[in-house]
Amino acid sequence: MRRRFSAADRPAFRRDVAKAFDDHNIGVGDMTEPGIVVVCARAADFDPETNVLWENEANRSAVRPDVLCQDCKSPLAMSHHAYAQYRAQDRKPKVLCVQCLQRVVSLEPGATR
């Protein structure tokens, strides 16, 4: 079966994502770190067919009805690995959808915008 290409395969997309991460001081972190914000895709925007892009099963995602954006309350999609960490925690980290991230980050004290 031929692999279907997605937006993530375009160099411009990867460059734009890297710039957004840099602009907002976003990085990879452990979900158990204090003050961590987990960013996910809204369930409505999640395409399960893109899971074929991930070789590692833990990186594949699914819609999680019990994980909601803390700003807009939309259900979110989360990777199997991140969801296992999320479920195991007593104090859940802040979870935002991609659409709400920029607005919420710009309202945070000390934001650089």
N, C-alpha and C. Protein backbone atom coordinates (compact mmCIF):
# COMPACT_ATOMS: atom_id res chain seq x y z
N MET A 1 0.83 -1.18 0.00
CA MET A 1 0.00 0.00 0.00
C MET A 1 0.88 1.25 0.00
N ARG A 2 0.56 2.17 -0.87
CA ARG A 2 1.33 3.41 -0.94
C ARG A 2 0.97 4.34 0.19
N ARG A 3 1.98 4.94 0.77
CA ARG A 3 1.77 5.89 1.86
C ARG A 3 1.17 7.17 1.29
N ARG A 4 0.09 7.64 1.94
CA ARG A 4 -0.55 8.88 1.55
C ARG A 4 0.18 10.04 2.21
N PHE A 5 0.55 11.03 1.43
CA PHE A 5 1.26 12.18 1.97
C PHE A 5 0.28 13.16 2.60
N SER A 6 0.74 13.84 3.63
CA SER A 6 -0.09 14.81 4.33
C SER A 6 0.62 16.16 4.35
N ALA A 7 -0.04 17.13 4.96
CA ALA A 7 0.56 18.46 5.09
C ALA A 7 1.89 18.40 5.84
N ALA A 8 2.02 17.46 6.77
CA ALA A 8 3.24 17.35 7.57
C ALA A 8 4.45 16.96 6.73
N ASP A 9 4.23 16.45 5.52
CA ASP A 9 5.33 16.07 4.65
C ASP A 9 5.94 17.26 3.90
N ARG A 10 5.25 18.38 3.89
CA ARG A 10 5.74 19.55 3.17
C ARG A 10 6.80 20.27 4.01
N PRO A 11 7.94 20.62 3.42
CA PRO A 11 8.97 21.34 4.16
C PRO A 11 8.46 22.66 4.74
N ALA A 12 7.59 23.36 4.02
CA ALA A 12 7.06 24.64 4.51
C ALA A 12 6.25 24.43 5.79
N PHE A 13 5.49 23.36 5.86
CA PHE A 13 4.71 23.06 7.06
C PHE A 13 5.63 22.84 8.25
N ARG A 14 6.65 22.03 8.05
CA ARG A 14 7.59 21.75 9.14
C ARG A 14 8.31 23.02 9.60
N ARG A 15 8.65 23.87 8.65
CA ARG A 15 9.31 25.13 8.98
C ARG A 15 8.36 26.03 9.78
N ASP A 16 7.09 26.10 9.37
CA ASP A 16 6.10 26.94 10.07
C ASP A 16 5.85 26.42 11.49
N VAL A 17 5.78 25.11 11.65
CA VAL A 17 5.58 24.54 12.98
C VAL A 17 6.78 24.84 13.87
N ALA A 18 7.97 24.67 13.33
CA ALA A 18 9.18 24.95 14.11
C ALA A 18 9.21 26.42 14.53
N LYS A 19 8.81 27.33 13.64
CA LYS A 19 8.78 28.75 13.97
C LYS A 19 7.76 29.04 15.06
N ALA A 20 6.57 28.43 14.98
CA ALA A 20 5.54 28.63 16.00
C ALA A 20 6.03 28.12 17.36
N PHE A 21 6.70 26.97 17.36
CA PHE A 21 7.24 26.44 18.61
C PHE A 21 8.27 27.40 19.19
N ASP A 22 9.12 27.94 18.33
CA ASP A 22 10.15 28.87 18.79
C ASP A 22 9.53 30.18 19.27
N ASP A 23 8.56 30.72 18.54
CA ASP A 23 7.92 31.99 18.91
C ASP A 23 7.24 31.92 20.26
N HIS A 24 6.68 30.76 20.60
CA HIS A 24 5.92 30.62 21.84
C HIS A 24 6.67 29.84 22.91
N ASN A 25 7.97 29.60 22.67
CA ASN A 25 8.80 28.87 23.63
C ASN A 25 8.17 27.52 23.99
N ILE A 26 7.75 26.80 22.97
CA ILE A 26 7.13 25.49 23.14
C ILE A 26 8.18 24.43 22.88
N GLY A 27 8.19 23.40 23.67
CA GLY A 27 9.13 22.31 23.48
C GLY A 27 8.53 21.01 23.95
N VAL A 28 9.28 19.96 23.74
CA VAL A 28 8.86 18.65 24.20
C VAL A 28 9.16 18.56 25.68
N GLY A 29 8.23 18.07 26.44
CA GLY A 29 8.44 17.95 27.87
C GLY A 29 7.74 16.73 28.42
N ASP A 30 8.01 16.46 29.65
CA ASP A 30 7.35 15.37 30.35
C ASP A 30 6.06 15.89 30.93
N MET A 31 4.99 15.14 30.78
CA MET A 31 3.68 15.58 31.24
C MET A 31 3.61 15.75 32.75
N THR A 32 4.58 15.23 33.47
CA THR A 32 4.58 15.35 34.92
C THR A 32 5.25 16.62 35.41
N GLU A 33 5.87 17.39 34.52
CA GLU A 33 6.53 18.64 34.92
C GLU A 33 5.47 19.66 35.33
N PRO A 34 5.75 20.45 36.36
CA PRO A 34 4.79 21.48 36.77
C PRO A 34 4.61 22.53 35.68
N GLY A 35 3.38 22.99 35.51
CA GLY A 35 3.10 24.06 34.55
C GLY A 35 3.06 23.63 33.10
N ILE A 36 3.12 22.36 32.84
CA ILE A 36 3.13 21.87 31.46
C ILE A 36 1.77 22.10 30.82
N VAL A 37 1.77 22.43 29.53
CA VAL A 37 0.54 22.56 28.75
C VAL A 37 0.62 21.53 27.63
N VAL A 38 -0.38 20.68 27.54
CA VAL A 38 -0.43 19.66 26.49
C VAL A 38 -1.28 20.21 25.36
N VAL A 39 -0.74 20.18 24.14
CA VAL A 39 -1.45 20.71 22.97
C VAL A 39 -1.88 19.54 22.10
N CYS A 40 -3.17 19.51 21.76
CA CYS A 40 -3.74 18.41 20.97
C CYS A 40 -4.60 18.95 19.84
N ALA A 41 -4.89 18.09 18.89
CA ALA A 41 -5.83 18.43 17.81
C ALA A 41 -7.25 18.20 18.30
N ARG A 42 -8.16 19.03 17.83
CA ARG A 42 -9.57 18.80 18.13
C ARG A 42 -10.02 17.52 17.45
N ALA A 43 -10.92 16.81 18.11
CA ALA A 43 -11.45 15.56 17.54
C ALA A 43 -12.03 15.80 16.15
N ALA A 44 -12.69 16.94 15.96
CA ALA A 44 -13.31 17.26 14.68
C ALA A 44 -12.28 17.41 13.56
N ASP A 45 -11.04 17.77 13.91
CA ASP A 45 -9.98 17.97 12.92
C ASP A 45 -9.07 16.76 12.76
N PHE A 46 -9.24 15.76 13.60
CA PHE A 46 -8.37 14.59 13.60
C PHE A 46 -8.75 13.62 12.48
N ASP A 47 -7.77 13.22 11.69
CA ASP A 47 -7.97 12.24 10.62
C ASP A 47 -7.24 10.96 11.01
N PRO A 48 -7.97 9.92 11.42
CA PRO A 48 -7.30 8.69 11.87
C PRO A 48 -6.44 8.02 10.79
N GLU A 49 -6.68 8.35 9.53
CA GLU A 49 -5.87 7.77 8.46
C GLU A 49 -4.42 8.25 8.53
N THR A 50 -4.16 9.38 9.17
CA THR A 50 -2.79 9.87 9.28
C THR A 50 -1.97 9.04 10.26
N ASN A 51 -2.61 8.15 11.00
CA ASN A 51 -1.87 7.29 11.92
C ASN A 51 -0.87 6.40 11.19
N VAL A 52 -1.08 6.15 9.90
CA VAL A 52 -0.13 5.33 9.15
C VAL A 52 1.23 6.00 9.05
N LEU A 53 1.30 7.31 9.31
CA LEU A 53 2.57 8.02 9.25
C LEU A 53 3.48 7.68 10.43
N TRP A 54 2.91 7.12 11.49
CA TRP A 54 3.67 6.81 12.69
C TRP A 54 4.02 5.32 12.72
N GLU A 55 5.31 5.02 12.77
CA GLU A 55 5.74 3.62 12.84
C GLU A 55 5.52 3.04 14.23
N ASN A 56 5.71 3.85 15.26
CA ASN A 56 5.56 3.41 16.64
C ASN A 56 4.09 3.53 17.06
N GLU A 57 3.51 2.44 17.48
CA GLU A 57 2.09 2.42 17.88
C GLU A 57 1.79 3.45 18.97
N ALA A 58 2.73 3.68 19.88
CA ALA A 58 2.51 4.63 20.98
C ALA A 58 2.30 6.06 20.47
N ASN A 59 2.83 6.37 19.28
CA ASN A 59 2.69 7.71 18.72
C ASN A 59 1.37 7.89 17.97
N ARG A 60 0.68 6.81 17.70
CA ARG A 60 -0.61 6.91 17.01
C ARG A 60 -1.65 7.46 17.96
N SER A 61 -2.63 8.13 17.41
CA SER A 61 -3.61 8.85 18.22
C SER A 61 -5.02 8.32 18.05
N ALA A 62 -5.87 8.73 18.96
CA ALA A 62 -7.30 8.41 18.90
C ALA A 62 -8.05 9.54 19.59
N VAL A 63 -9.33 9.67 19.26
CA VAL A 63 -10.17 10.66 19.93
C VAL A 63 -10.39 10.18 21.36
N ARG A 64 -10.20 11.08 22.32
CA ARG A 64 -10.35 10.77 23.75
C ARG A 64 -11.53 11.58 24.29
N PRO A 65 -12.70 10.98 24.41
CA PRO A 65 -13.88 11.74 24.86
C PRO A 65 -13.73 12.34 26.25
N ASP A 66 -12.83 11.80 27.06
CA ASP A 66 -12.63 12.33 28.41
C ASP A 66 -11.53 13.39 28.49
N VAL A 67 -10.94 13.75 27.35
CA VAL A 67 -9.92 14.80 27.32
C VAL A 67 -10.50 15.97 26.53
N LEU A 68 -10.74 17.08 27.24
CA LEU A 68 -11.36 18.26 26.63
C LEU A 68 -10.42 19.45 26.71
N CYS A 69 -10.48 20.31 25.70
CA CYS A 69 -9.73 21.57 25.72
C CYS A 69 -10.24 22.38 26.92
N GLN A 70 -9.31 22.87 27.71
CA GLN A 70 -9.72 23.62 28.90
C GLN A 70 -10.26 25.00 28.56
N ASP A 71 -10.12 25.43 27.31
CA ASP A 71 -10.63 26.73 26.92
C ASP A 71 -11.98 26.61 26.22
N CYS A 72 -12.05 25.84 25.13
CA CYS A 72 -13.30 25.76 24.34
C CYS A 72 -14.13 24.52 24.64
N LYS A 73 -13.59 23.61 25.45
CA LYS A 73 -14.29 22.38 25.88
C LYS A 73 -14.53 21.37 24.76
N SER A 74 -13.82 21.49 23.65
CA SER A 74 -13.93 20.51 22.56
C SER A 74 -13.23 19.22 22.93
N PRO A 75 -13.79 18.06 22.52
CA PRO A 75 -13.05 16.80 22.73
C PRO A 75 -11.80 16.80 21.85
N LEU A 76 -10.77 16.10 22.32
CA LEU A 76 -9.47 16.14 21.66
C LEU A 76 -8.98 14.75 21.27
N ALA A 77 -8.03 14.73 20.33
CA ALA A 77 -7.31 13.51 19.97
C ALA A 77 -5.96 13.58 20.66
N MET A 78 -5.51 12.43 21.18
CA MET A 78 -4.24 12.39 21.90
C MET A 78 -3.56 11.06 21.58
N SER A 79 -2.24 11.07 21.54
CA SER A 79 -1.50 9.83 21.24
C SER A 79 -1.71 8.82 22.37
N HIS A 80 -1.50 7.55 22.03
CA HIS A 80 -1.66 6.49 23.03
C HIS A 80 -0.70 6.69 24.20
N HIS A 81 0.55 7.07 23.90
CA HIS A 81 1.55 7.27 24.95
C HIS A 81 1.16 8.42 25.87
N ALA A 82 0.81 9.57 25.28
CA ALA A 82 0.43 10.73 26.08
C ALA A 82 -0.83 10.44 26.90
N TYR A 83 -1.77 9.72 26.32
CA TYR A 83 -3.01 9.41 27.03
C TYR A 83 -2.75 8.51 28.23
N ALA A 84 -1.85 7.56 28.09
CA ALA A 84 -1.50 6.69 29.22
C ALA A 84 -0.91 7.52 30.36
N GLN A 85 -0.02 8.46 30.03
CA GLN A 85 0.55 9.35 31.05
C GLN A 85 -0.53 10.22 31.68
N TYR A 86 -1.41 10.76 30.84
CA TYR A 86 -2.48 11.64 31.31
C TYR A 86 -3.39 10.90 32.30
N ARG A 87 -3.80 9.71 31.94
CA ARG A 87 -4.72 8.94 32.78
C ARG A 87 -4.09 8.57 34.12
N ALA A 88 -2.78 8.38 34.14
CA ALA A 88 -2.09 7.94 35.35
C ALA A 88 -1.91 9.06 36.38
N GLN A 89 -2.11 10.31 35.97
CA GLN A 89 -1.85 11.43 36.86
C GLN A 89 -3.06 11.80 37.71
N ASP A 90 -2.79 12.08 38.97
CA ASP A 90 -3.85 12.57 39.86
C ASP A 90 -4.19 14.01 39.51
N ARG A 91 -3.16 14.86 39.37
CA ARG A 91 -3.36 16.26 38.96
C ARG A 91 -3.10 16.35 37.47
N LYS A 92 -4.17 16.55 36.72
CA LYS A 92 -4.06 16.58 35.26
C LYS A 92 -3.41 17.89 34.79
N PRO A 93 -2.58 17.81 33.76
CA PRO A 93 -1.99 19.03 33.20
C PRO A 93 -3.04 19.82 32.41
N LYS A 94 -2.72 21.06 32.13
CA LYS A 94 -3.58 21.89 31.30
C LYS A 94 -3.53 21.35 29.87
N VAL A 95 -4.70 21.15 29.26
CA VAL A 95 -4.78 20.62 27.90
C VAL A 95 -5.52 21.63 27.03
N LEU A 96 -4.91 22.00 25.91
CA LEU A 96 -5.49 22.97 24.98
C LEU A 96 -5.50 22.41 23.57
N CYS A 97 -6.48 22.84 22.78
CA CYS A 97 -6.47 22.49 21.37
C CYS A 97 -5.54 23.48 20.65
N VAL A 98 -5.12 23.10 19.47
CA VAL A 98 -4.21 23.93 18.69
C VAL A 98 -4.84 25.31 18.44
N GLN A 99 -6.14 25.35 18.16
CA GLN A 99 -6.81 26.61 17.85
C GLN A 99 -6.82 27.57 19.04
N CYS A 100 -6.94 27.07 20.23
CA CYS A 100 -7.00 27.93 21.42
C CYS A 100 -5.62 28.31 21.94
N LEU A 101 -4.60 27.58 21.56
CA LEU A 101 -3.26 27.79 22.11
C LEU A 101 -2.79 29.23 21.97
N GLN A 102 -2.82 29.78 20.77
CA GLN A 102 -2.24 31.10 20.56
C GLN A 102 -2.98 32.16 21.37
N ARG A 103 -4.30 32.10 21.41
CA ARG A 103 -5.06 33.09 22.16
C ARG A 103 -4.77 32.98 23.65
N VAL A 104 -4.76 31.77 24.17
CA VAL A 104 -4.53 31.57 25.61
C VAL A 104 -3.11 31.96 25.99
N VAL A 105 -2.14 31.59 25.17
CA VAL A 105 -0.74 31.93 25.47
C VAL A 105 -0.56 33.45 25.46
N SER A 106 -1.22 34.15 24.56
CA SER A 106 -1.07 35.60 24.49
C SER A 106 -1.69 36.30 25.71
N LEU A 107 -2.61 35.62 26.42
CA LEU A 107 -3.22 36.19 27.61
C LEU A 107 -2.44 35.89 28.88
N GLU A 108 -1.50 34.93 28.82
CA GLU A 108 -0.73 34.53 30.00
C GLU A 108 0.18 35.67 30.44
N PRO A 109 0.37 35.83 31.75
CA PRO A 109 1.30 36.85 32.25
C PRO A 109 2.70 36.56 31.71
N GLY A 110 3.37 37.60 31.25
CA GLY A 110 4.73 37.46 30.73
C GLY A 110 4.76 37.02 29.28
N ALA A 111 3.62 36.99 28.61
CA ALA A 111 3.59 36.59 27.20
C ALA A 111 4.36 37.62 26.37
N THR A 112 4.98 37.17 25.31
CA THR A 112 5.83 38.03 24.51
C THR A 112 5.11 38.62 23.30
N ARG A 113 3.81 38.77 23.36
CA ARG A 113 3.08 39.35 22.22
C ARG A 113 2.42 40.63 22.59
